[in-house]
Amino acid sequence: MRLSLFSLGSLPLFPLVSLSEPVTINVDVNTSLGPYVPTYRFFGADEPNYAYYPDGQALLQQLGSLGNQTYFRAHNLLTTGPGFPSLKFGSTNAYTESPDGQPIYNWTVVDRIFDAYLDAGVKPYVEVGFMPLALSSRPYPYFFNFTPESPYDVIYTGWSYPPTSYAKWGELVYQWARHEVERYGEEEVNSWYWEIWNEPNIQYWNGTVDGFYTLHDYAVAGVKRALPSARVGGAEVAGGASGSYLGDFLNHVLNGTNYATNETGTPLDFVSFHAKGSPTYVNDSAVSGGGFVQMGIAAQLQNIDSAFEIIASYPTFKDKPIVIGEDDPDGCAACITPQYGYRNGILYPSYNAAAFVRAMDLSLKYGVNLQGTLTWAFEYDDHAYFDGFRVLSTNQVDKPILNVHRMFGKINGERVQADSTGQLQLESVVENGVNGSKTDTGALAAFNQTTNTLYTFVWHYHDDDLPKPDSQVSVNITGLPAITGGNCTANLTHFRIDNAHSNSYQKWLQLGSPQSPSTEQYAELQEAGMLQTLQGSEGMKDVHVSDGVASIEFALPIHGTSLLVLQM
């Protein structure tokens, strides 16, 4: 199987002394940081058609049951083709033209996609794109064949070019939005997100900046004509602020002349941009396999930091919802290279834990309204088990990354103060990542006053995919609700992702990496793919609470993630 060396995690050729690093986490239930925002609940993929394939439908059911309203964003919802997916491509044939140039609208495939979302309890985050062949100003070549080894730029074909007529483009978007209102009703469609195109600052848009503004303005006008109360945003810019691009876009929608209406400004109900990490593969003869993956969390956080700084500088937009429309460790879900060898095991969920919470912390720093950190990963039907793509499941076996989203989904209430002696400073991680001698053992906590439940989320992260000592964690809690007499017992449930829990990949390796697992093996894999609890003295147990004070101790392996749920 391809790239199995890069998926196994790196093991040293020399003995490693297992030492525990003591970490103290102080949780103050009485100090609120505001409502816990479930940013984790957004997902997306290049290939929209997998939504109605068997494995896609099964995964959507999982996403729809995560605990908060989930949304799905997909490329290629207007792309021409027969409705069959391939790597980095999908199609709906929504728009064609008659021989005399008259529009022909066909929403059959789009309906199948959105029906699959909604049947699973997932709502569309509608990406308006890409350019239908009949509207493209440079239609050929249009189709392409992408492989994991392909140069990325082979994808930029006729779908990425401006329309021959912006009026026809605007009418297409209007007809689409009107169809959705007629099919699902105003109330439902008002709950969706609508945004125009993808990463217009790179080759996804093979036109000028003003051409993109024109594309955007006509599309927004079409959506708003069909449903004035629809939620529209943008501009899904690659690379955070991307120099002046995000700021220039915000200037246009605030003060520029609208290319569709000739009025000043364009409606903008939310702001969106993209943030990506930068993993590398480090050659090292002292490590089994000759090297290891080193993640690049700093690059992703720098994208977020730059975008938040720009958004915060506009009083009009500072309070607008923000969705990081792709928020990932790397830039290509359908590529397989050595530096992408983190995707199967526990490095990926621990990375997202550290990255997502720091995105929340950056939003507090700038006083902006972060609502979403979208994971660009879904699944590929009819591919090998654990083949190395950035996906959430493989042949209906959930990967460890999905379990960190399950953890996030269990948290609710008010975010409260949680300080960890093992958590690196925000500014340090934004600037340098986590690649020095110290690991990052961080925490987020939330308290639900209605249910008297405290959630403490803890991760142990390092950029290097190498063995490190466990963190010996002591969680000291103050401010729990007072009980008559001062003493009580609370119930602890300890959810865990590590090499022994919530880890279908590790189970698959233990079974001998079968590509045709038996019925019994498949059942084991599916069970291992679910979120599991820690048992024994560090797991589910009763915790003594005295005058609002409690303590919990446990060991957390490197790249492990824990969620402590303390029910009073």
Protein backbone atom coordinates (compact mmCIF):
# COMPACT_ATOMS: atom_id res chain seq x y z
CA MET A 1 0.00 0.00 0.00
CA ARG A 2 1.34 3.40 -0.91
CA LEU A 3 3.27 5.46 1.59
CA SER A 4 2.73 3.15 4.55
CA LEU A 5 6.15 4.25 5.82
CA PHE A 6 4.88 7.77 6.14
CA SER A 7 1.73 6.74 7.96
CA LEU A 8 3.16 4.59 10.71
CA GLY A 9 4.66 7.39 12.75
CA SER A 10 8.40 7.57 13.33
CA LEU A 11 10.18 5.41 15.86
CA PRO A 12 13.74 6.05 17.08
CA LEU A 13 16.45 3.48 16.51
CA PHE A 14 17.78 4.15 20.01
CA PRO A 15 16.08 3.42 23.37
CA LEU A 16 13.83 6.18 24.67
CA VAL A 17 13.62 6.76 28.41
CA SER A 18 9.96 7.36 29.27
CA LEU A 19 9.81 10.30 31.64
CA SER A 20 6.75 12.23 32.71
CA GLU A 21 6.64 16.00 32.50
CA PRO A 22 4.51 17.50 35.30
CA VAL A 23 1.82 19.91 34.14
CA THR A 24 -0.68 21.79 36.31
CA ILE A 25 -3.94 23.04 34.81
CA ASN A 26 -5.90 25.50 36.94
CA VAL A 27 -9.58 25.82 36.01
CA ASP A 28 -11.57 28.69 37.53
CA VAL A 29 -15.27 28.09 36.94
CA ASN A 30 -16.12 31.59 38.21
CA THR A 31 -14.13 33.40 35.52
CA SER A 32 -16.09 33.42 32.28
CA LEU A 33 -14.52 34.17 28.90
CA GLY A 34 -17.90 34.29 27.16
CA PRO A 35 -19.94 31.58 25.45
CA TYR A 36 -18.10 28.53 24.14
CA VAL A 37 -18.28 28.80 20.34
CA PRO A 38 -18.41 25.42 18.55
CA THR A 39 -16.18 26.43 15.65
CA TYR A 40 -15.35 22.81 14.75
CA ARG A 41 -18.71 22.12 13.05
CA PHE A 42 -17.82 23.12 9.46
CA PHE A 43 -16.51 20.65 6.85
CA GLY A 44 -15.85 20.62 3.14
CA ALA A 45 -14.44 18.86 0.09
CA ASP A 46 -13.52 19.38 -3.56
CA GLU A 47 -15.77 16.56 -4.73
CA PRO A 48 -19.47 17.29 -4.04
CA ASN A 49 -20.87 14.10 -5.58
CA TYR A 50 -19.53 11.80 -2.86
CA ALA A 51 -22.30 13.21 -0.65
CA TYR A 52 -24.80 10.78 -2.22
CA TYR A 53 -22.44 7.81 -2.49
CA PRO A 54 -22.79 5.11 0.19
CA ASP A 55 -19.70 6.01 2.22
CA GLY A 56 -20.45 9.70 1.88
CA GLN A 57 -24.00 9.27 3.15
CA ALA A 58 -22.72 7.27 6.12
CA LEU A 59 -20.17 9.95 6.99
CA LEU A 60 -22.72 12.74 6.66
CA GLN A 61 -24.83 10.93 9.25
CA GLN A 62 -21.86 11.07 11.61
CA LEU A 63 -21.28 14.77 10.93
CA GLY A 64 -24.96 15.52 11.48
CA SER A 65 -24.86 13.94 14.93
CA LEU A 66 -21.80 15.74 16.32
CA GLY A 67 -23.79 17.81 18.78
CA ASN A 68 -24.12 21.21 17.08
CA GLN A 69 -25.52 22.27 13.72
CA THR A 70 -22.95 21.24 11.12
CA TYR A 71 -22.34 22.78 7.70
CA PHE A 72 -20.74 21.46 4.53
CA ARG A 73 -18.96 23.46 1.84
CA ALA A 74 -18.12 21.92 -1.55
CA HIS A 75 -16.41 23.04 -4.72
CA ASN A 76 -17.84 22.33 -8.17
CA LEU A 77 -21.54 22.83 -7.49
CA LEU A 78 -21.93 24.57 -10.87
CA THR A 79 -19.21 22.69 -12.74
CA THR A 80 -20.20 20.99 -15.99
CA GLY A 81 -20.16 17.20 -16.16
CA PRO A 82 -22.16 14.01 -15.62
CA GLY A 83 -22.19 14.04 -11.82
CA PHE A 84 -19.42 11.51 -11.17
CA PRO A 85 -16.64 12.38 -8.72
CA SER A 86 -12.91 12.05 -9.20
CA LEU A 87 -10.00 13.47 -7.24
CA LYS A 88 -10.40 17.26 -6.99
CA PHE A 89 -13.34 17.26 -9.39
CA GLY A 90 -17.09 16.95 -9.31
CA SER A 91 -19.94 18.20 -11.42
CA THR A 92 -23.67 18.89 -11.55
CA ASN A 93 -24.41 20.00 -15.14
CA ALA A 94 -26.55 22.72 -13.61
CA TYR A 95 -26.12 25.04 -16.59
CA THR A 96 -25.92 24.37 -20.30
CA GLU A 97 -27.14 26.32 -23.32
CA SER A 98 -29.30 25.55 -26.32
CA PRO A 99 -27.77 25.86 -29.80
CA ASP A 100 -29.02 29.45 -30.00
CA GLY A 101 -27.42 30.35 -26.67
CA GLN A 102 -30.47 30.18 -24.39
CA PRO A 103 -29.84 29.05 -20.79
CA ILE A 104 -30.88 25.55 -19.72
CA TYR A 105 -31.01 25.01 -15.95
CA ASN A 106 -30.92 21.53 -14.45
CA TRP A 107 -30.86 21.19 -10.65
CA THR A 108 -31.17 17.40 -10.46
CA VAL A 109 -27.64 16.69 -9.23
CA VAL A 110 -27.50 19.74 -6.97
CA ASP A 111 -30.74 18.52 -5.40
CA ARG A 112 -29.22 15.10 -4.75
CA ILE A 113 -26.25 16.72 -3.01
CA PHE A 114 -28.27 19.08 -0.81
CA ASP A 115 -30.86 16.40 -0.05
CA ALA A 116 -28.02 14.17 1.19
CA TYR A 117 -26.81 16.95 3.48
CA LEU A 118 -30.21 17.80 4.87
CA ASP A 119 -31.29 14.18 5.31
CA ALA A 120 -28.28 13.79 7.60
CA GLY A 121 -28.96 16.97 9.56
CA VAL A 122 -26.18 18.91 7.80
CA LYS A 123 -26.83 22.31 6.20
CA PRO A 124 -25.24 23.68 3.02
CA TYR A 125 -22.46 26.24 3.16
CA VAL A 126 -23.05 27.10 -0.49
CA GLU A 127 -20.00 27.88 -2.57
CA VAL A 128 -21.17 29.55 -5.79
CA GLY A 129 -18.83 28.04 -8.39
CA PHE A 130 -17.32 27.02 -10.64
CA MET A 131 -17.83 28.34 -14.17
CA PRO A 132 -20.01 26.12 -16.38
CA LEU A 133 -18.41 25.16 -19.66
CA ALA A 134 -21.08 26.98 -21.70
CA LEU A 135 -20.35 30.25 -19.83
CA SER A 136 -16.55 30.05 -19.67
CA SER A 137 -14.62 32.64 -21.65
CA ARG A 138 -11.87 30.05 -22.13
CA PRO A 139 -13.70 26.71 -21.96
CA TYR A 140 -11.05 24.31 -23.26
CA PRO A 141 -9.47 22.30 -21.84
CA TYR A 142 -12.16 21.86 -19.21
CA PHE A 143 -11.87 18.35 -17.79
CA PHE A 144 -8.71 16.94 -16.20
CA ASN A 145 -7.40 13.79 -14.54
CA PHE A 146 -5.77 14.46 -11.19
CA THR A 147 -3.67 11.85 -9.38
CA PRO A 148 -2.00 12.17 -5.98
CA GLU A 149 1.31 12.70 -7.78
CA SER A 150 0.02 15.29 -10.27
CA PRO A 151 1.33 18.85 -10.36
CA TYR A 152 -1.34 20.86 -8.61
CA ASP A 153 -1.80 23.33 -11.45
CA VAL A 154 -3.21 20.68 -13.82
CA ILE A 155 -6.60 21.39 -12.26
CA TYR A 156 -6.85 25.01 -13.40
CA THR A 157 -8.83 24.54 -16.61
CA GLY A 158 -11.85 26.18 -18.21
CA TRP A 159 -13.95 26.22 -15.04
CA SER A 160 -11.56 28.80 -13.50
CA TYR A 161 -12.11 31.54 -16.11
CA PRO A 162 -14.52 34.50 -16.16
CA PRO A 163 -17.92 34.19 -17.81
CA THR A 164 -18.66 35.31 -21.33
CA SER A 165 -21.54 37.29 -19.84
CA TYR A 166 -21.77 38.54 -16.26
CA ALA A 167 -25.50 39.10 -16.81
CA LYS A 168 -25.96 35.42 -17.63
CA TRP A 169 -23.82 34.51 -14.62
CA GLY A 170 -25.95 36.66 -12.31
CA GLU A 171 -29.14 35.18 -13.73
CA LEU A 172 -27.78 31.65 -13.21
CA VAL A 173 -27.14 32.38 -9.53
CA TYR A 174 -30.58 33.97 -9.15
CA GLN A 175 -32.29 30.95 -10.71
CA TRP A 176 -30.31 28.64 -8.43
CA ALA A 177 -31.13 30.53 -5.24
CA ARG A 178 -34.79 30.85 -6.28
CA HIS A 179 -34.93 27.09 -6.88
CA GLU A 180 -33.55 26.41 -3.39
CA VAL A 181 -36.18 28.67 -1.83
CA GLU A 182 -38.94 26.96 -3.79
CA ARG A 183 -37.64 23.50 -2.88
CA TYR A 184 -36.74 23.97 0.79
CA GLY A 185 -38.53 27.14 1.89
CA GLU A 186 -37.32 30.57 3.01
CA GLU A 187 -36.78 29.61 6.63
CA GLU A 188 -34.49 26.72 5.73
CA VAL A 189 -32.46 28.59 3.12
CA ASN A 190 -32.07 31.56 5.47
CA SER A 191 -30.13 29.24 7.78
CA TRP A 192 -27.52 28.49 5.09
CA TYR A 193 -24.30 30.31 4.25
CA TRP A 194 -23.71 31.54 0.67
CA GLU A 195 -20.29 32.61 -0.58
CA ILE A 196 -18.87 33.29 -4.04
CA TRP A 197 -16.05 31.20 -5.56
CA ASN A 198 -12.89 29.86 -3.94
CA GLU A 199 -9.48 31.46 -3.37
CA PRO A 200 -9.80 34.16 -6.04
CA ASN A 201 -6.32 35.45 -5.24
CA ILE A 202 -4.69 32.37 -6.80
CA GLN A 203 -5.36 30.38 -9.97
CA TYR A 204 -8.79 29.23 -8.89
CA TRP A 205 -9.74 32.54 -10.52
CA ASN A 206 -8.01 33.12 -13.83
CA GLY A 207 -9.26 36.65 -14.18
CA THR A 208 -8.48 40.11 -12.86
CA VAL A 209 -9.22 41.44 -9.39
CA ASP A 210 -11.91 43.71 -10.78
CA GLY A 211 -13.24 40.72 -12.71
CA PHE A 212 -13.65 38.85 -9.44
CA TYR A 213 -15.41 41.80 -7.83
CA THR A 214 -17.78 41.80 -10.81
CA LEU A 215 -18.34 38.05 -10.49
CA HIS A 216 -18.95 38.44 -6.78
CA ASP A 217 -21.31 41.42 -7.05
CA TYR A 218 -23.48 39.82 -9.72
CA ALA A 219 -23.71 36.57 -7.75
CA VAL A 220 -24.59 38.30 -4.48
CA ALA A 221 -27.21 40.36 -6.30
CA GLY A 222 -28.67 37.13 -7.70
CA VAL A 223 -28.88 35.47 -4.29
CA LYS A 224 -30.37 38.56 -2.65
CA ARG A 225 -32.90 39.00 -5.48
CA ALA A 226 -34.16 35.48 -4.82
CA LEU A 227 -34.03 35.81 -1.02
CA PRO A 228 -33.23 39.29 0.37
CA SER A 229 -32.60 37.85 3.83
CA ALA A 230 -30.09 35.23 2.62
CA ARG A 231 -26.73 35.15 4.44
CA VAL A 232 -23.92 36.00 1.97
CA GLY A 233 -20.20 36.42 2.59
CA GLY A 234 -16.68 36.00 1.31
CA ALA A 235 -14.15 36.06 -0.11
CA GLU A 236 -12.57 32.69 0.85
CA VAL A 237 -9.13 34.21 0.30
CA ALA A 238 -6.14 31.85 0.33
CA GLY A 239 -3.40 32.64 2.84
CA GLY A 240 -5.22 34.66 5.48
CA ALA A 241 -5.05 38.37 4.63
CA SER A 242 -2.89 37.53 1.59
CA GLY A 243 -1.09 40.84 1.63
CA SER A 244 -3.62 43.51 0.77
CA TYR A 245 -6.12 41.19 -0.96
CA LEU A 246 -8.54 40.67 1.93
CA GLY A 247 -8.41 44.34 2.91
CA ASP A 248 -8.95 45.44 -0.70
CA PHE A 249 -11.97 43.14 -0.94
CA LEU A 250 -13.44 44.56 2.27
CA ASN A 251 -12.87 48.07 0.91
CA HIS A 252 -14.73 47.13 -2.25
CA VAL A 253 -17.79 45.69 -0.52
CA LEU A 254 -17.86 48.61 1.91
CA ASN A 255 -17.09 51.62 -0.28
CA GLY A 256 -16.70 50.46 -3.87
CA THR A 257 -19.13 50.73 -6.73
CA ASN A 258 -21.19 47.55 -7.02
CA TYR A 259 -20.66 46.18 -10.52
CA ALA A 260 -24.16 44.68 -10.63
CA THR A 261 -26.25 47.50 -9.15
CA ASN A 262 -24.04 50.61 -9.61
CA GLU A 263 -24.75 51.43 -5.97
CA THR A 264 -22.11 51.89 -3.29
CA GLY A 265 -21.11 48.68 -1.57
CA THR A 266 -22.10 45.01 -1.67
CA PRO A 267 -23.91 43.11 1.11
CA LEU A 268 -21.56 41.13 3.33
CA ASP A 269 -23.07 39.16 6.23
CA PHE A 270 -19.93 37.20 7.18
CA VAL A 271 -16.22 37.25 6.36
CA SER A 272 -14.33 34.18 5.22
CA PHE A 273 -10.71 33.34 4.43
CA HIS A 274 -8.45 30.29 4.44
CA ALA A 275 -5.55 29.24 6.66
CA LYS A 276 -3.14 26.38 5.97
CA GLY A 277 -0.23 24.83 7.80
CA SER A 278 3.06 23.86 6.21
CA PRO A 279 4.29 20.35 7.11
CA THR A 280 7.67 19.08 5.99
CA TYR A 281 9.44 15.74 5.96
CA VAL A 282 12.72 15.79 7.86
CA ASN A 283 15.37 13.32 6.71
CA ASP A 284 17.03 11.81 9.77
CA SER A 285 19.04 8.60 9.67
CA ALA A 286 18.60 8.16 13.44
CA VAL A 287 14.87 7.59 12.99
CA SER A 288 13.18 4.44 11.74
CA GLY A 289 12.32 4.92 8.07
CA GLY A 290 14.97 7.59 7.67
CA GLY A 291 12.91 10.58 8.68
CA PHE A 292 9.77 12.02 10.25
CA VAL A 293 6.95 14.46 9.61
CA GLN A 294 7.31 17.91 11.13
CA MET A 295 4.07 19.87 11.16
CA GLY A 296 3.95 23.61 10.46
CA ILE A 297 1.25 24.96 12.78
CA ALA A 298 2.85 28.42 12.82
CA ALA A 299 2.04 29.04 9.15
CA GLN A 300 -1.65 28.31 9.74
CA LEU A 301 -1.85 30.54 12.80
CA GLN A 302 0.00 33.35 11.01
CA ASN A 303 -2.65 33.23 8.28
CA ILE A 304 -5.35 33.59 10.93
CA ASP A 305 -3.50 36.31 12.80
CA SER A 306 -3.03 38.42 9.66
CA ALA A 307 -6.67 38.09 8.62
CA PHE A 308 -8.04 38.89 12.08
CA GLU A 309 -5.86 41.99 12.25
CA ILE A 310 -7.28 43.28 8.97
CA ILE A 311 -10.90 42.47 9.86
CA ALA A 312 -10.53 44.10 13.29
CA SER A 313 -9.38 47.32 11.62
CA TYR A 314 -12.84 47.80 10.05
CA PRO A 315 -15.47 48.83 12.62
CA THR A 316 -18.17 47.78 10.15
CA PHE A 317 -16.86 44.22 9.94
CA LYS A 318 -15.29 43.65 13.36
CA ASP A 319 -18.46 42.11 14.79
CA LYS A 320 -19.45 40.19 11.65
CA PRO A 321 -19.29 36.39 11.93
CA ILE A 322 -16.03 34.95 10.61
CA VAL A 323 -15.68 31.49 9.10
CA ILE A 324 -12.22 30.22 8.27
CA GLY A 325 -13.54 28.45 5.18
CA GLU A 326 -10.59 26.05 5.01
CA ASP A 327 -8.51 25.61 8.16
CA ASP A 328 -6.10 22.72 7.68
CA PRO A 329 -2.60 21.42 8.35
CA ASP A 330 -1.74 21.40 4.62
CA GLY A 331 -3.02 22.60 1.27
CA CYS A 332 -4.08 19.49 -0.67
CA ALA A 333 -6.46 16.82 0.64
CA ALA A 334 -6.08 14.70 -2.51
CA CYS A 335 -2.27 14.76 -2.59
CA ILE A 336 -0.06 12.10 -1.01
CA THR A 337 3.54 12.99 -0.20
CA PRO A 338 5.90 12.15 2.70
CA GLN A 339 5.14 15.41 4.53
CA TYR A 340 1.45 14.50 4.54
CA GLY A 341 2.07 11.30 6.46
CA TYR A 342 0.39 12.64 9.61
CA ARG A 343 -3.17 12.00 8.47
CA ASN A 344 -3.99 8.49 9.68
CA GLY A 345 -2.96 8.58 13.32
CA ILE A 346 -3.18 10.80 16.38
CA LEU A 347 -0.91 13.63 15.24
CA TYR A 348 -3.76 15.06 13.13
CA PRO A 349 -6.37 15.37 15.93
CA SER A 350 -3.84 16.78 18.41
CA TYR A 351 -2.81 19.35 15.78
CA ASN A 352 -6.41 20.42 15.22
CA ALA A 353 -6.94 20.63 18.96
CA ALA A 354 -3.99 23.00 19.38
CA ALA A 355 -4.81 24.98 16.21
CA PHE A 356 -8.56 25.42 16.71
CA VAL A 357 -8.29 26.58 20.31
CA ARG A 358 -5.56 29.04 19.38
CA ALA A 359 -7.79 30.38 16.61
CA MET A 360 -10.37 31.01 19.35
CA ASP A 361 -7.70 32.72 21.45
CA LEU A 362 -6.65 34.92 18.52
CA SER A 363 -10.27 35.96 18.06
CA LEU A 364 -10.35 37.04 21.73
CA LYS A 365 -7.09 38.92 21.21
CA TYR A 366 -8.49 40.94 18.30
CA GLY A 367 -12.06 41.14 19.56
CA VAL A 368 -13.51 39.58 16.41
CA ASN A 369 -16.38 37.13 16.03
CA LEU A 370 -14.98 33.74 15.02
CA GLN A 371 -17.77 31.25 14.32
CA GLY A 372 -16.18 28.54 12.20
CA THR A 373 -12.92 26.66 11.62
CA LEU A 374 -13.73 24.49 8.61
CA THR A 375 -11.96 21.15 8.15
CA TRP A 376 -11.44 20.46 4.45
CA ALA A 377 -11.74 16.68 4.62
CA PHE A 378 -14.47 14.20 3.78
CA GLU A 379 -14.07 10.72 2.26
CA TYR A 380 -13.38 8.88 -1.02
CA ASP A 381 -15.54 5.90 -1.90
CA ASP A 382 -13.77 2.86 -3.41
CA HIS A 383 -10.27 3.66 -2.19
CA ALA A 384 -7.85 1.59 -0.12
CA TYR A 385 -7.99 1.61 3.66
CA PHE A 386 -5.83 4.34 5.25
CA ASP A 387 -4.40 5.31 1.88
CA GLY A 388 -2.97 8.63 3.06
CA PHE A 389 -5.56 11.12 1.82
CA ARG A 390 -6.78 13.85 4.15
CA VAL A 391 -10.16 12.30 4.96
CA LEU A 392 -12.35 11.77 8.02
CA SER A 393 -13.16 8.13 7.33
CA THR A 394 -11.98 5.27 5.18
CA ASN A 395 -14.48 2.67 3.91
CA GLN A 396 -16.92 3.74 6.66
CA VAL A 397 -14.25 3.36 9.34
CA ASP A 398 -13.88 6.66 11.18
CA LYS A 399 -10.31 7.92 11.58
CA PRO A 400 -8.94 9.46 14.79
CA ILE A 401 -9.38 12.98 13.40
CA LEU A 402 -13.18 12.62 13.52
CA ASN A 403 -13.01 11.86 17.22
CA VAL A 404 -11.50 15.22 18.13
CA HIS A 405 -14.56 16.78 16.46
CA ARG A 406 -16.72 14.48 18.57
CA MET A 407 -14.92 15.81 21.64
CA PHE A 408 -15.50 19.42 20.60
CA GLY A 409 -19.15 18.55 20.00
CA LYS A 410 -19.67 17.44 23.58
CA ILE A 411 -18.52 20.78 25.03
CA ASN A 412 -21.10 23.46 25.76
CA GLY A 413 -21.82 26.33 28.10
CA GLU A 414 -19.63 29.29 29.05
CA ARG A 415 -15.94 29.11 28.33
CA VAL A 416 -14.09 29.58 31.63
CA GLN A 417 -10.52 30.35 32.55
CA ALA A 418 -8.09 27.44 32.16
CA ASP A 419 -4.37 28.05 32.64
CA SER A 420 -1.83 25.32 31.97
CA THR A 421 1.81 25.41 33.06
CA GLY A 422 2.55 23.23 30.03
CA GLN A 423 0.85 25.43 27.42
CA LEU A 424 3.17 27.53 25.28
CA GLN A 425 2.39 31.22 24.91
CA LEU A 426 0.08 32.16 22.05
CA GLU A 427 2.56 34.61 20.51
CA SER A 428 5.34 32.02 20.62
CA VAL A 429 3.31 29.35 18.82
CA VAL A 430 2.10 31.84 16.19
CA GLU A 431 5.68 32.90 15.50
CA ASN A 432 7.60 29.65 15.92
CA GLY A 433 5.19 26.71 16.17
CA VAL A 434 5.89 23.89 18.63
CA ASN A 435 9.23 22.53 17.46
CA GLY A 436 11.64 23.16 20.32
CA SER A 437 12.51 21.09 23.36
CA LYS A 438 9.15 21.74 25.04
CA THR A 439 5.85 20.15 24.11
CA ASP A 440 2.54 21.97 24.29
CA THR A 441 0.07 20.68 26.88
CA GLY A 442 -2.85 23.05 26.63
CA ALA A 443 -6.41 23.28 27.88
CA LEU A 444 -9.83 24.74 27.19
CA ALA A 445 -12.65 24.58 29.72
CA ALA A 446 -16.37 25.33 29.65
CA PHE A 447 -19.10 25.13 32.28
CA ASN A 448 -22.80 24.56 31.69
CA GLN A 449 -24.70 26.15 34.57
CA THR A 450 -27.97 24.48 33.62
CA THR A 451 -26.61 20.95 33.88
CA ASN A 452 -23.79 21.72 36.37
CA THR A 453 -21.28 20.11 34.03
CA LEU A 454 -17.64 21.10 33.60
CA TYR A 455 -15.81 20.21 30.38
CA THR A 456 -12.00 20.31 30.38
CA PHE A 457 -10.35 19.66 27.03
CA VAL A 458 -6.62 18.88 27.12
CA TRP A 459 -4.14 18.22 24.33
CA HIS A 460 -0.46 17.24 24.25
CA TYR A 461 1.10 18.47 21.02
CA HIS A 462 4.43 18.87 19.26
CA ASP A 463 5.13 19.59 15.59
CA ASP A 464 7.49 16.60 15.36
CA ASP A 465 6.02 13.15 14.82
CA LEU A 466 8.47 11.63 17.30
CA PRO A 467 8.17 9.97 20.71
CA LYS A 468 8.16 12.38 23.65
CA PRO A 469 7.64 11.92 27.39
CA ASP A 470 4.07 11.80 28.71
CA SER A 471 2.64 14.84 30.43
CA GLN A 472 1.64 14.05 34.00
CA VAL A 473 -1.38 16.32 34.29
CA SER A 474 -2.93 17.66 37.47
CA VAL A 475 -6.20 19.51 36.92
CA ASN A 476 -7.07 21.76 39.85
CA ILE A 477 -10.65 23.06 39.73
CA THR A 478 -12.11 25.91 41.78
CA GLY A 479 -15.48 27.63 41.74
CA LEU A 480 -17.71 24.61 41.32
CA PRO A 481 -21.29 25.19 42.57
CA ALA A 482 -21.58 25.20 46.35
CA ILE A 483 -23.37 22.23 47.82
CA THR A 484 -25.10 22.19 51.19
CA GLY A 485 -22.57 20.90 53.70
CA GLY A 486 -19.66 21.79 51.39
CA ASN A 487 -18.89 18.28 50.14
CA CYS A 488 -20.24 16.15 47.34
CA THR A 489 -19.26 13.61 44.73
CA ALA A 490 -19.15 14.38 41.01
CA ASN A 491 -19.07 11.83 38.20
CA LEU A 492 -16.08 11.94 35.84
CA THR A 493 -16.17 10.61 32.28
CA HIS A 494 -12.76 10.74 30.60
CA PHE A 495 -12.77 10.57 26.79
CA ARG A 496 -9.40 9.88 25.19
CA ILE A 497 -7.67 9.74 21.81
CA ASP A 498 -4.28 8.01 21.87
CA ASN A 499 -2.69 4.87 20.47
CA ALA A 500 -4.97 2.67 22.58
CA HIS A 501 -8.24 4.60 22.40
CA SER A 502 -10.45 6.02 19.64
CA ASN A 503 -7.88 4.94 17.08
CA SER A 504 -8.98 2.77 14.17
CA TYR A 505 -5.62 3.18 12.45
CA GLN A 506 -3.72 1.60 15.32
CA LYS A 507 -6.24 -1.24 15.38
CA TRP A 508 -5.80 -1.72 11.62
CA LEU A 509 -2.04 -2.00 12.07
CA GLN A 510 -2.52 -4.53 14.88
CA LEU A 511 -4.72 -6.60 12.58
CA GLY A 512 -1.96 -6.72 9.98
CA SER A 513 -3.14 -3.82 7.76
CA PRO A 514 -5.82 -5.81 5.93
CA GLN A 515 -7.19 -4.37 2.69
CA SER A 516 -9.95 -6.98 2.71
CA PRO A 517 -10.82 -7.30 6.40
CA SER A 518 -13.03 -10.14 7.56
CA THR A 519 -16.46 -9.37 8.98
CA GLU A 520 -15.03 -9.69 12.49
CA GLN A 521 -12.06 -7.46 11.69
CA TYR A 522 -14.28 -4.84 10.09
CA ALA A 523 -16.47 -4.73 13.20
CA GLU A 524 -13.34 -4.23 15.32
CA LEU A 525 -12.20 -1.39 13.07
CA GLN A 526 -15.54 0.38 13.22
CA GLU A 527 -15.66 0.07 17.00
CA ALA A 528 -12.10 1.39 17.29
CA GLY A 529 -13.11 4.36 15.14
CA MET A 530 -15.62 5.63 17.70
CA LEU A 531 -14.82 7.98 20.58
CA GLN A 532 -13.87 5.88 23.60
CA THR A 533 -13.47 6.47 27.32
CA LEU A 534 -10.47 5.88 29.50
CA GLN A 535 -11.08 3.23 32.13
CA GLY A 536 -9.38 2.52 35.45
CA SER A 537 -8.09 5.01 38.00
CA GLU A 538 -7.65 7.78 35.42
CA GLY A 539 -10.95 7.19 33.66
CA MET A 540 -14.59 6.99 34.67
CA LYS A 541 -14.90 7.44 38.41
CA ASP A 542 -16.33 9.54 41.22
CA VAL A 543 -14.46 12.74 42.12
CA HIS A 544 -14.62 14.30 45.57
CA VAL A 545 -15.66 17.98 45.59
CA SER A 546 -15.05 20.03 48.73
CA ASP A 547 -16.23 23.65 48.91
CA GLY A 548 -16.24 23.91 45.12
CA VAL A 549 -12.72 22.50 44.76
CA ALA A 550 -11.73 19.27 43.00
CA SER A 551 -8.63 17.75 41.45
CA ILE A 552 -8.03 15.15 38.73
CA GLU A 553 -4.74 13.56 37.73
CA PHE A 554 -3.78 11.55 34.65
CA ALA A 555 -0.95 10.89 32.21
CA LEU A 556 -1.34 12.17 28.65
CA PRO A 557 0.91 10.68 25.94
CA ILE A 558 2.40 12.85 23.22
CA HIS A 559 -0.24 13.67 20.60
CA GLY A 560 -2.92 12.40 22.94
CA THR A 561 -6.13 14.34 23.54
CA SER A 562 -8.46 14.13 26.55
CA LEU A 563 -11.91 15.47 27.35
CA LEU A 564 -12.87 15.39 31.02
CA VAL A 565 -16.60 15.68 31.62
CA LEU A 566 -17.34 16.32 35.31
CA GLN A 567 -21.03 16.04 36.13
CA MET A 568 -22.07 17.48 39.51
